[in-house]
Amino acid sequence: MASQHPNVPSPAYGLVHHNVRLTTRYVVISNALAQHRELSLLAIGLATHLQSLPAGSCVGIKAIASRFPESEFRIAAAMRELEAHGYLARTRRRLPDGRILPLTISHNSPGADPAAVRETRAAPKPREPRPEPETPPAPAPAPRPPAPPTLTARHARAAELLCGLRAHAPRLLLSERDVRRLAPGVTAWLERGAQPDAVRRTLCADLPHDLAYPAGLLAHRLAALMPPPLPVAPATPAAAGPLQNCDDCDRAYRAPEPGRCRGCEAAATAA
């Protein structure tokens, strides 16, 4: 708001402004927002707070409620007011690595074109002309994210289990890329003797209410809750042969062919 002219006398009643000129740490708010007739005072204050935050700040309902004494219910209601009047837009954005994160856009003038706003910049100093190179260097190609692993017949059973999780927990709807990335972890569980029903119960149990990226939660559980491998059964010694009856003493002993036992064989050799 513009400061009052020094020649205009201050009012004797009502509101009187004693303002100083701010040069740092201030935010510009339009009167259309500050004096909005349909927004609540909490919504106007919340919009002012959002405009004062730097880009990239966490502005979820829980984060704002932890900063101010208002409850999460009141903060959520104020956000819905700002959305209804165009001062706020909440959506989600998929990153190149497949993650989906929340995105909040705060508008200081709903419906205005941001490209029409001009910034005052200092005039650049004139530079001496430089000779243009004959062949401009080619720009370096942008790095591509690593391709997900290709499913093989070994992981087919694990992929089928992951695709069927949405039938038990609708929030565990995975993309084809996520299934290819998580299938080796499920295969490791199955190869360690875990039953498919046990794997499914572990992945679907106690899902958080604000689950934004189900593939990340499943990857953490597959790695942190990996069961140990089954113990190896001790090898049984090979049998010496079938049971035989000694031709001399009729005692039972093991040998590949009938004949004498060791005692009778030793006695016959000594004789």
C-alpha atoms as a PDB file:
ATOM      1  CA  MET A   1       0.000   0.000   0.000  1.00  0.00           C
ATOM      2  CA  ALA A   2       1.372   3.436  -0.914  1.00  0.00           C
ATOM      3  CA  SER A   3       2.533   5.621   1.984  1.00  0.00           C
ATOM      4  CA  GLN A   4       0.430   8.661   2.862  1.00  0.00           C
ATOM      5  CA  HIS A   5       1.478  12.020   1.430  1.00  0.00           C
ATOM      6  CA  PRO A   6       3.189  14.202   4.111  1.00  0.00           C
ATOM      7  CA  ASN A   7       0.842  17.143   3.364  1.00  0.00           C
ATOM      8  CA  VAL A   8      -2.264  15.041   4.078  1.00  0.00           C
ATOM      9  CA  PRO A   9      -3.048  15.079   7.824  1.00  0.00           C
ATOM     10  CA  SER A  10      -3.325  11.763   9.637  1.00  0.00           C
ATOM     11  CA  PRO A  11      -6.892  10.718  10.562  1.00  0.00           C
ATOM     12  CA  ALA A  12      -7.913  11.265  14.141  1.00  0.00           C
ATOM     13  CA  TYR A  13      -9.650   7.886  14.403  1.00  0.00           C
ATOM     14  CA  GLY A  14      -9.709   4.489  12.671  1.00  0.00           C
ATOM     15  CA  LEU A  15      -6.591   2.887  11.241  1.00  0.00           C
ATOM     16  CA  VAL A  16      -3.334   4.837  11.129  1.00  0.00           C
ATOM     17  CA  HIS A  17      -0.283   3.489   9.230  1.00  0.00           C
ATOM     18  CA  HIS A  18       3.236   3.985  10.578  1.00  0.00           C
ATOM     19  CA  ASN A  19       5.219   2.285   7.809  1.00  0.00           C
ATOM     20  CA  VAL A  20       8.926   2.113   7.007  1.00  0.00           C
ATOM     21  CA  ARG A  21      10.356   1.385   3.576  1.00  0.00           C
ATOM     22  CA  LEU A  22      11.348  -2.298   3.296  1.00  0.00           C
ATOM     23  CA  THR A  23      14.350  -3.202   1.172  1.00  0.00           C
ATOM     24  CA  THR A  24      14.904  -6.859   2.205  1.00  0.00           C
ATOM     25  CA  ARG A  25      12.798  -9.833   3.334  1.00  0.00           C
ATOM     26  CA  TYR A  26       9.399  -8.648   2.144  1.00  0.00           C
ATOM     27  CA  VAL A  27       6.698  -9.986  -0.163  1.00  0.00           C
ATOM     28  CA  VAL A  28       4.335  -8.086  -2.497  1.00  0.00           C
ATOM     29  CA  ILE A  29       0.652  -8.930  -2.012  1.00  0.00           C
ATOM     30  CA  SER A  30      -2.133  -7.444  -4.118  1.00  0.00           C
ATOM     31  CA  ASN A  31      -5.149  -5.758  -2.544  1.00  0.00           C
ATOM     32  CA  ALA A  32      -7.309  -8.204  -4.497  1.00  0.00           C
ATOM     33  CA  LEU A  33      -5.995 -10.942  -2.210  1.00  0.00           C
ATOM     34  CA  ALA A  34      -5.530  -8.953   1.006  1.00  0.00           C
ATOM     35  CA  GLN A  35      -9.089  -7.521   0.797  1.00  0.00           C
ATOM     36  CA  HIS A  36     -10.829 -10.497  -0.827  1.00  0.00           C
ATOM     37  CA  ARG A  37     -14.515 -10.543   0.103  1.00  0.00           C
ATOM     38  CA  GLU A  38     -15.080 -14.308  -0.254  1.00  0.00           C
ATOM     39  CA  LEU A  39     -11.892 -15.713   1.306  1.00  0.00           C
ATOM     40  CA  SER A  40     -11.570 -16.308   5.029  1.00  0.00           C
ATOM     41  CA  LEU A  41      -8.901 -14.508   6.995  1.00  0.00           C
ATOM     42  CA  LEU A  42      -7.093 -17.830   7.481  1.00  0.00           C
ATOM     43  CA  ALA A  43      -7.045 -18.446   3.709  1.00  0.00           C
ATOM     44  CA  ILE A  44      -5.692 -14.919   3.049  1.00  0.00           C
ATOM     45  CA  GLY A  45      -2.980 -15.439   5.663  1.00  0.00           C
ATOM     46  CA  LEU A  46      -2.094 -18.846   4.234  1.00  0.00           C
ATOM     47  CA  ALA A  47      -1.801 -17.400   0.698  1.00  0.00           C
ATOM     48  CA  THR A  48       0.461 -14.644   2.044  1.00  0.00           C
ATOM     49  CA  HIS A  49       2.620 -17.225   3.829  1.00  0.00           C
ATOM     50  CA  LEU A  50       2.941 -19.351   0.664  1.00  0.00           C
ATOM     51  CA  GLN A  51       3.956 -16.304  -1.398  1.00  0.00           C
ATOM     52  CA  SER A  52       6.731 -15.534   1.119  1.00  0.00           C
ATOM     53  CA  LEU A  53       8.321 -19.006   0.946  1.00  0.00           C
ATOM     54  CA  PRO A  54      11.177 -19.806  -1.464  1.00  0.00           C
ATOM     55  CA  ALA A  55      10.633 -22.172  -4.379  1.00  0.00           C
ATOM     56  CA  GLY A  56      10.970 -25.834  -3.485  1.00  0.00           C
ATOM     57  CA  SER A  57       9.663 -25.476   0.084  1.00  0.00           C
ATOM     58  CA  CYS A  58       7.574 -28.288   1.562  1.00  0.00           C
ATOM     59  CA  VAL A  59       4.011 -26.937   1.798  1.00  0.00           C
ATOM     60  CA  GLY A  60       2.003 -30.047   2.633  1.00  0.00           C
ATOM     61  CA  ILE A  61      -0.842 -29.848   5.122  1.00  0.00           C
ATOM     62  CA  LYS A  62       1.183 -31.583   7.852  1.00  0.00           C
ATOM     63  CA  ALA A  63       4.207 -29.343   7.255  1.00  0.00           C
ATOM     64  CA  ILE A  64       2.153 -26.128   7.530  1.00  0.00           C
ATOM     65  CA  ALA A  65       0.194 -27.376  10.556  1.00  0.00           C
ATOM     66  CA  SER A  66       3.469 -28.112  12.362  1.00  0.00           C
ATOM     67  CA  ARG A  67       4.492 -24.463  11.849  1.00  0.00           C
ATOM     68  CA  PHE A  68       1.261 -22.752  13.003  1.00  0.00           C
ATOM     69  CA  PRO A  69      -1.250 -23.391  15.820  1.00  0.00           C
ATOM     70  CA  GLU A  70      -4.139 -24.098  13.400  1.00  0.00           C
ATOM     71  CA  SER A  71      -5.156 -27.742  12.993  1.00  0.00           C
ATOM     72  CA  GLU A  72      -4.674 -29.807   9.857  1.00  0.00           C
ATOM     73  CA  PHE A  73      -8.440 -29.656   9.261  1.00  0.00           C
ATOM     74  CA  ARG A  74      -8.426 -25.832   9.169  1.00  0.00           C
ATOM     75  CA  ILE A  75      -5.299 -25.716   6.988  1.00  0.00           C
ATOM     76  CA  ALA A  76      -6.912 -28.147   4.519  1.00  0.00           C
ATOM     77  CA  ALA A  77     -10.102 -26.064   4.426  1.00  0.00           C
ATOM     78  CA  ALA A  78      -8.095 -22.881   3.731  1.00  0.00           C
ATOM     79  CA  MET A  79      -6.251 -24.628   0.895  1.00  0.00           C
ATOM     80  CA  ARG A  80      -9.554 -25.658  -0.661  1.00  0.00           C
ATOM     81  CA  GLU A  81     -10.704 -22.022  -0.503  1.00  0.00           C
ATOM     82  CA  LEU A  82      -7.559 -20.857  -2.310  1.00  0.00           C
ATOM     83  CA  GLU A  83      -7.984 -23.597  -4.932  1.00  0.00           C
ATOM     84  CA  ALA A  84     -11.595 -22.614  -5.525  1.00  0.00           C
ATOM     85  CA  HIS A  85     -10.591 -18.964  -6.203  1.00  0.00           C
ATOM     86  CA  GLY A  86      -7.538 -19.785  -8.325  1.00  0.00           C
ATOM     87  CA  TYR A  87      -4.826 -18.764  -5.852  1.00  0.00           C
ATOM     88  CA  LEU A  88      -3.564 -22.342  -5.405  1.00  0.00           C
ATOM     89  CA  ALA A  89      -3.177 -25.424  -7.585  1.00  0.00           C
ATOM     90  CA  ARG A  90      -2.110 -28.831  -6.299  1.00  0.00           C
ATOM     91  CA  THR A  91      -1.025 -31.637  -8.616  1.00  0.00           C
ATOM     92  CA  ARG A  92       1.616 -34.351  -8.971  1.00  0.00           C
ATOM     93  CA  ARG A  93       4.629 -34.547 -11.271  1.00  0.00           C
ATOM     94  CA  ARG A  94       6.482 -37.661 -12.463  1.00  0.00           C
ATOM     95  CA  LEU A  95      10.284 -37.346 -12.333  1.00  0.00           C
ATOM     96  CA  PRO A  96      12.581 -38.919 -14.973  1.00  0.00           C
ATOM     97  CA  ASP A  97      13.486 -41.713 -12.524  1.00  0.00           C
ATOM     98  CA  GLY A  98       9.823 -42.736 -12.191  1.00  0.00           C
ATOM     99  CA  ARG A  99       9.072 -41.136  -8.823  1.00  0.00           C
ATOM    100  CA  ILE A 100       5.807 -39.170  -8.429  1.00  0.00           C
ATOM    101  CA  LEU A 101       6.059 -36.156  -6.096  1.00  0.00           C
ATOM    102  CA  PRO A 102       3.470 -33.509  -5.077  1.00  0.00           C
ATOM    103  CA  LEU A 103       3.626 -30.099  -6.788  1.00  0.00           C
ATOM    104  CA  THR A 104       1.941 -26.965  -5.369  1.00  0.00           C
ATOM    105  CA  ILE A 105       1.602 -23.780  -7.482  1.00  0.00           C
ATOM    106  CA  SER A 106       0.831 -20.484  -5.706  1.00  0.00           C
ATOM    107  CA  HIS A 107      -0.679 -17.717  -7.902  1.00  0.00           C
ATOM    108  CA  ASN A 108      -0.473 -14.097  -6.732  1.00  0.00           C
ATOM    109  CA  SER A 109      -2.888 -13.019  -9.484  1.00  0.00           C
ATOM    110  CA  PRO A 110      -5.186 -15.807 -10.748  1.00  0.00           C
ATOM    111  CA  GLY A 111      -5.718 -15.779 -14.506  1.00  0.00           C
ATOM    112  CA  ALA A 112      -2.761 -13.477 -15.273  1.00  0.00           C
ATOM    113  CA  ASP A 113      -0.101 -14.538 -17.751  1.00  0.00           C
ATOM    114  CA  PRO A 114       3.296 -14.844 -15.980  1.00  0.00           C
ATOM    115  CA  ALA A 115       5.081 -14.214 -19.296  1.00  0.00           C
ATOM    116  CA  ALA A 116       3.567 -10.714 -19.469  1.00  0.00           C
ATOM    117  CA  VAL A 117       5.353  -9.622 -16.264  1.00  0.00           C
ATOM    118  CA  ARG A 118       8.451  -7.621 -17.092  1.00  0.00           C
ATOM    119  CA  GLU A 119      11.468  -7.471 -14.830  1.00  0.00           C
ATOM    120  CA  THR A 120      13.594  -4.323 -14.600  1.00  0.00           C
ATOM    121  CA  ARG A 121      17.125  -5.220 -15.546  1.00  0.00           C
ATOM    122  CA  ALA A 122      20.245  -3.168 -15.935  1.00  0.00           C
ATOM    123  CA  ALA A 123      21.244  -2.461 -19.511  1.00  0.00           C
ATOM    124  CA  PRO A 124      24.085  -4.797 -20.535  1.00  0.00           C
ATOM    125  CA  LYS A 125      27.430  -3.254 -21.323  1.00  0.00           C
ATOM    126  CA  PRO A 126      28.349  -3.252 -25.002  1.00  0.00           C
ATOM    127  CA  ARG A 127      30.789  -5.951 -25.932  1.00  0.00           C
ATOM    128  CA  GLU A 128      33.276  -6.035 -28.703  1.00  0.00           C
ATOM    129  CA  PRO A 129      32.208  -8.253 -31.587  1.00  0.00           C
ATOM    130  CA  ARG A 130      33.917 -11.609 -31.661  1.00  0.00           C
ATOM    131  CA  PRO A 131      34.576 -13.663 -34.753  1.00  0.00           C
ATOM    132  CA  GLU A 132      32.123 -16.494 -35.029  1.00  0.00           C
ATOM    133  CA  PRO A 133      33.674 -19.960 -35.172  1.00  0.00           C
ATOM    134  CA  GLU A 134      33.458 -21.768 -38.477  1.00  0.00           C
ATOM    135  CA  THR A 135      31.871 -24.878 -36.981  1.00  0.00           C
ATOM    136  CA  PRO A 136      30.078 -24.524 -33.650  1.00  0.00           C
ATOM    137  CA  PRO A 137      30.735 -27.396 -31.260  1.00  0.00           C
ATOM    138  CA  ALA A 138      27.937 -29.926 -31.021  1.00  0.00           C
ATOM    139  CA  PRO A 139      26.133 -29.930 -27.666  1.00  0.00           C
ATOM    140  CA  ALA A 140      26.823 -32.876 -25.416  1.00  0.00           C
ATOM    141  CA  PRO A 141      23.945 -35.386 -25.366  1.00  0.00           C
ATOM    142  CA  ALA A 142      21.882 -35.379 -22.213  1.00  0.00           C
ATOM    143  CA  PRO A 143      22.402 -38.446 -20.034  1.00  0.00           C
ATOM    144  CA  ARG A 144      19.579 -40.935 -20.254  1.00  0.00           C
ATOM    145  CA  PRO A 145      18.215 -42.753 -17.226  1.00  0.00           C
ATOM    146  CA  PRO A 146      19.206 -46.427 -17.057  1.00  0.00           C
ATOM    147  CA  ALA A 147      16.751 -48.734 -18.770  1.00  0.00           C
ATOM    148  CA  PRO A 148      14.845 -51.080 -16.442  1.00  0.00           C
ATOM    149  CA  PRO A 149      15.868 -54.761 -16.485  1.00  0.00           C
ATOM    150  CA  THR A 150      14.121 -57.027 -18.989  1.00  0.00           C
ATOM    151  CA  LEU A 151      11.890 -59.691 -17.505  1.00  0.00           C
ATOM    152  CA  THR A 152      12.929 -63.281 -18.117  1.00  0.00           C
ATOM    153  CA  ALA A 153      11.117 -66.562 -17.609  1.00  0.00           C
ATOM    154  CA  ARG A 154      12.770 -66.758 -14.163  1.00  0.00           C
ATOM    155  CA  HIS A 155      10.922 -63.605 -13.027  1.00  0.00           C
ATOM    156  CA  ALA A 156       7.552 -64.362 -14.671  1.00  0.00           C
ATOM    157  CA  ARG A 157       6.044 -65.713 -11.451  1.00  0.00           C
ATOM    158  CA  ALA A 158       7.240 -62.670  -9.493  1.00  0.00           C
ATOM    159  CA  ALA A 159       5.839 -60.263 -12.116  1.00  0.00           C
ATOM    160  CA  GLU A 160       2.448 -61.988 -11.946  1.00  0.00           C
ATOM    161  CA  LEU A 161       2.444 -61.604  -8.148  1.00  0.00           C
ATOM    162  CA  LEU A 162       3.294 -57.879  -8.370  1.00  0.00           C
ATOM    163  CA  CYS A 163       0.609 -57.196 -10.990  1.00  0.00           C
ATOM    164  CA  GLY A 164      -1.991 -58.873  -8.767  1.00  0.00           C
ATOM    165  CA  LEU A 165      -1.261 -56.732  -5.695  1.00  0.00           C
ATOM    166  CA  ARG A 166      -3.833 -54.124  -6.785  1.00  0.00           C
ATOM    167  CA  ALA A 167      -6.578 -56.717  -6.365  1.00  0.00           C
ATOM    168  CA  HIS A 168      -5.740 -56.899  -2.640  1.00  0.00           C
ATOM    169  CA  ALA A 169      -4.661 -53.238  -2.113  1.00  0.00           C
ATOM    170  CA  PRO A 170      -5.915 -50.818  -4.819  1.00  0.00           C
ATOM    171  CA  ARG A 171      -3.222 -48.268  -3.904  1.00  0.00           C
ATOM    172  CA  LEU A 172      -0.503 -50.716  -5.003  1.00  0.00           C
ATOM    173  CA  LEU A 173      -1.144 -50.045  -8.696  1.00  0.00           C
ATOM    174  CA  LEU A 174       2.289 -50.457 -10.306  1.00  0.00           C
ATOM    175  CA  SER A 175       3.464 -49.397 -13.726  1.00  0.00           C
ATOM    176  CA  GLU A 176       5.090 -51.843 -16.118  1.00  0.00           C
ATOM    177  CA  ARG A 177       8.464 -50.223 -15.438  1.00  0.00           C
ATOM    178  CA  ASP A 178       8.038 -50.699 -11.667  1.00  0.00           C
ATOM    179  CA  VAL A 179       7.075 -54.360 -12.133  1.00  0.00           C
ATOM    180  CA  ARG A 180      10.243 -55.016 -14.147  1.00  0.00           C
ATOM    181  CA  ARG A 181      12.347 -53.289 -11.495  1.00  0.00           C
ATOM    182  CA  LEU A 182      10.788 -55.080  -8.490  1.00  0.00           C
ATOM    183  CA  ALA A 183      10.471 -58.579 -10.004  1.00  0.00           C
ATOM    184  CA  PRO A 184      14.078 -59.694  -9.158  1.00  0.00           C
ATOM    185  CA  GLY A 185      13.484 -58.889  -5.470  1.00  0.00           C
ATOM    186  CA  VAL A 186      10.285 -60.971  -5.360  1.00  0.00           C
ATOM    187  CA  THR A 187      12.082 -63.798  -7.176  1.00  0.00           C
ATOM    188  CA  ALA A 188      14.753 -63.807  -4.458  1.00  0.00           C
ATOM    189  CA  TRP A 189      12.011 -64.237  -1.824  1.00  0.00           C
ATOM    190  CA  LEU A 190      10.426 -67.134  -3.713  1.00  0.00           C
ATOM    191  CA  GLU A 191      13.782 -68.841  -4.241  1.00  0.00           C
ATOM    192  CA  ARG A 192      14.390 -68.652  -0.493  1.00  0.00           C
ATOM    193  CA  GLY A 193      11.285 -70.699   0.187  1.00  0.00           C
ATOM    194  CA  ALA A 194       8.755 -67.909   0.851  1.00  0.00           C
ATOM    195  CA  GLN A 195       5.226 -68.773  -0.234  1.00  0.00           C
ATOM    196  CA  PRO A 196       3.482 -66.338  -2.638  1.00  0.00           C
ATOM    197  CA  ASP A 197       0.708 -65.664  -0.091  1.00  0.00           C
ATOM    198  CA  ALA A 198       3.293 -64.748   2.555  1.00  0.00           C
ATOM    199  CA  VAL A 199       5.047 -62.367   0.143  1.00  0.00           C
ATOM    200  CA  ARG A 200       1.716 -60.768  -0.788  1.00  0.00           C
ATOM    201  CA  ARG A 201       0.691 -60.271   2.868  1.00  0.00           C
ATOM    202  CA  THR A 202       4.047 -58.685   3.720  1.00  0.00           C
ATOM    203  CA  LEU A 203       3.856 -56.212   0.827  1.00  0.00           C
ATOM    204  CA  CYS A 204       0.201 -55.242   1.449  1.00  0.00           C
ATOM    205  CA  ALA A 205       0.295 -54.955   5.259  1.00  0.00           C
ATOM    206  CA  ASP A 206      -0.005 -51.602   7.102  1.00  0.00           C
ATOM    207  CA  LEU A 207       0.139 -49.260   4.099  1.00  0.00           C
ATOM    208  CA  PRO A 208       0.603 -45.578   5.097  1.00  0.00           C
ATOM    209  CA  HIS A 209      -2.326 -43.201   4.527  1.00  0.00           C
ATOM    210  CA  ASP A 210      -0.223 -40.726   2.489  1.00  0.00           C
ATOM    211  CA  LEU A 211       1.287 -43.310   0.154  1.00  0.00           C
ATOM    212  CA  ALA A 212       2.529 -41.299  -2.835  1.00  0.00           C
ATOM    213  CA  TYR A 213       5.008 -43.729  -4.440  1.00  0.00           C
ATOM    214  CA  PRO A 214       4.037 -47.397  -3.877  1.00  0.00           C
ATOM    215  CA  ALA A 215       7.011 -48.776  -5.828  1.00  0.00           C
ATOM    216  CA  GLY A 216       9.460 -47.126  -3.421  1.00  0.00           C
ATOM    217  CA  LEU A 217       7.695 -48.645  -0.396  1.00  0.00           C
ATOM    218  CA  LEU A 218       7.689 -52.123  -1.971  1.00  0.00           C
ATOM    219  CA  ALA A 219      11.383 -51.867  -2.890  1.00  0.00           C
ATOM    220  CA  HIS A 220      12.208 -50.960   0.725  1.00  0.00           C
ATOM    221  CA  ARG A 221      10.192 -53.853   2.144  1.00  0.00           C
ATOM    222  CA  LEU A 222      11.672 -56.381  -0.286  1.00  0.00           C
ATOM    223  CA  ALA A 223      15.187 -55.363   0.726  1.00  0.00           C
ATOM    224  CA  ALA A 224      14.678 -54.803   4.482  1.00  0.00           C
ATOM    225  CA  LEU A 225      12.455 -57.848   5.174  1.00  0.00           C
ATOM    226  CA  MET A 226      14.289 -60.383   2.991  1.00  0.00           C
ATOM    227  CA  PRO A 227      13.953 -63.834   4.669  1.00  0.00           C
ATOM    228  CA  PRO A 228      17.113 -65.904   5.254  1.00  0.00           C
ATOM    229  CA  PRO A 229      17.834 -68.798   2.898  1.00  0.00           C
ATOM    230  CA  LEU A 230      16.645 -72.260   3.869  1.00  0.00           C
ATOM    231  CA  PRO A 231      19.249 -74.363   5.746  1.00  0.00           C
ATOM    232  CA  VAL A 232      20.974 -76.972   3.634  1.00  0.00           C
ATOM    233  CA  ALA A 233      20.015 -80.528   4.649  1.00  0.00           C
ATOM    234  CA  PRO A 234      23.039 -82.631   5.706  1.00  0.00           C
ATOM    235  CA  ALA A 235      24.102 -85.130   3.126  1.00  0.00           C
ATOM    236  CA  THR A 236      23.331 -88.754   4.051  1.00  0.00           C
ATOM    237  CA  PRO A 237      26.291 -91.104   3.727  1.00  0.00           C
ATOM    238  CA  ALA A 238      26.018 -93.572   0.882  1.00  0.00           C
ATOM    239  CA  ALA A 239      24.989 -97.041   1.928  1.00  0.00           C
ATOM    240  CA  ALA A 240      27.718 -99.683   1.818  1.00  0.00           C
ATOM    241  CA  GLY A 241      25.386-102.056   0.037  1.00  0.00           C
ATOM    242  CA  PRO A 242      22.353-104.282   0.630  1.00  0.00           C
ATOM    243  CA  LEU A 243      22.082-106.590   3.622  1.00  0.00           C
ATOM    244  CA  GLN A 244      23.668-110.035   3.136  1.00  0.00           C
ATOM    245  CA  ASN A 245      23.790-113.167   5.352  1.00  0.00           C
ATOM    246  CA  CYS A 246      27.249-114.585   6.042  1.00  0.00           C
ATOM    247  CA  ASP A 247      27.731-118.034   4.494  1.00  0.00           C
ATOM    248  CA  ASP A 248      29.629-119.266   7.611  1.00  0.00           C
ATOM    249  CA  CYS A 249      27.976-117.664  10.672  1.00  0.00           C
ATOM    250  CA  ASP A 250      24.692-116.528   9.090  1.00  0.00           C
ATOM    251  CA  ARG A 251      25.258-113.015  10.529  1.00  0.00           C
ATOM    252  CA  ALA A 252      23.766-110.049   8.635  1.00  0.00           C
ATOM    253  CA  TYR A 253      26.184-107.560   7.096  1.00  0.00           C
ATOM    254  CA  ARG A 254      26.236-105.053   4.230  1.00  0.00           C
ATOM    255  CA  ALA A 255      28.077-105.910   1.043  1.00  0.00           C
ATOM    256  CA  PRO A 256      27.437-105.554  -2.673  1.00  0.00           C
ATOM    257  CA  GLU A 257      27.515-109.383  -3.137  1.00  0.00           C
ATOM    258  CA  PRO A 258      26.837-112.398  -0.887  1.00  0.00           C
ATOM    259  CA  GLY A 259      29.782-114.151   0.852  1.00  0.00           C
ATOM    260  CA  ARG A 260      31.458-114.020   4.262  1.00  0.00           C
ATOM    261  CA  CYS A 261      31.349-111.247   6.834  1.00  0.00           C
ATOM    262  CA  ARG A 262      34.525-109.453   7.847  1.00  0.00           C
ATOM    263  CA  GLY A 263      35.091-111.650  10.917  1.00  0.00           C
ATOM    264  CA  CYS A 264      34.711-114.909   9.044  1.00  0.00           C
ATOM    265  CA  GLU A 265      36.763-113.607   6.133  1.00  0.00           C
ATOM    266  CA  ALA A 266      39.586-112.638   8.514  1.00  0.00           C
ATOM    267  CA  ALA A 267      39.449-116.056  10.283  1.00  0.00           C
ATOM    268  CA  ALA A 268      39.574-117.872   6.961  1.00  0.00           C
ATOM    269  CA  THR A 269      42.517-115.810   5.822  1.00  0.00           C
ATOM    270  CA  ALA A 270      44.420-116.458   9.063  1.00  0.00           C
ATOM    271  CA  ALA A 271      43.751-120.240   8.782  1.00  0.00           C
END
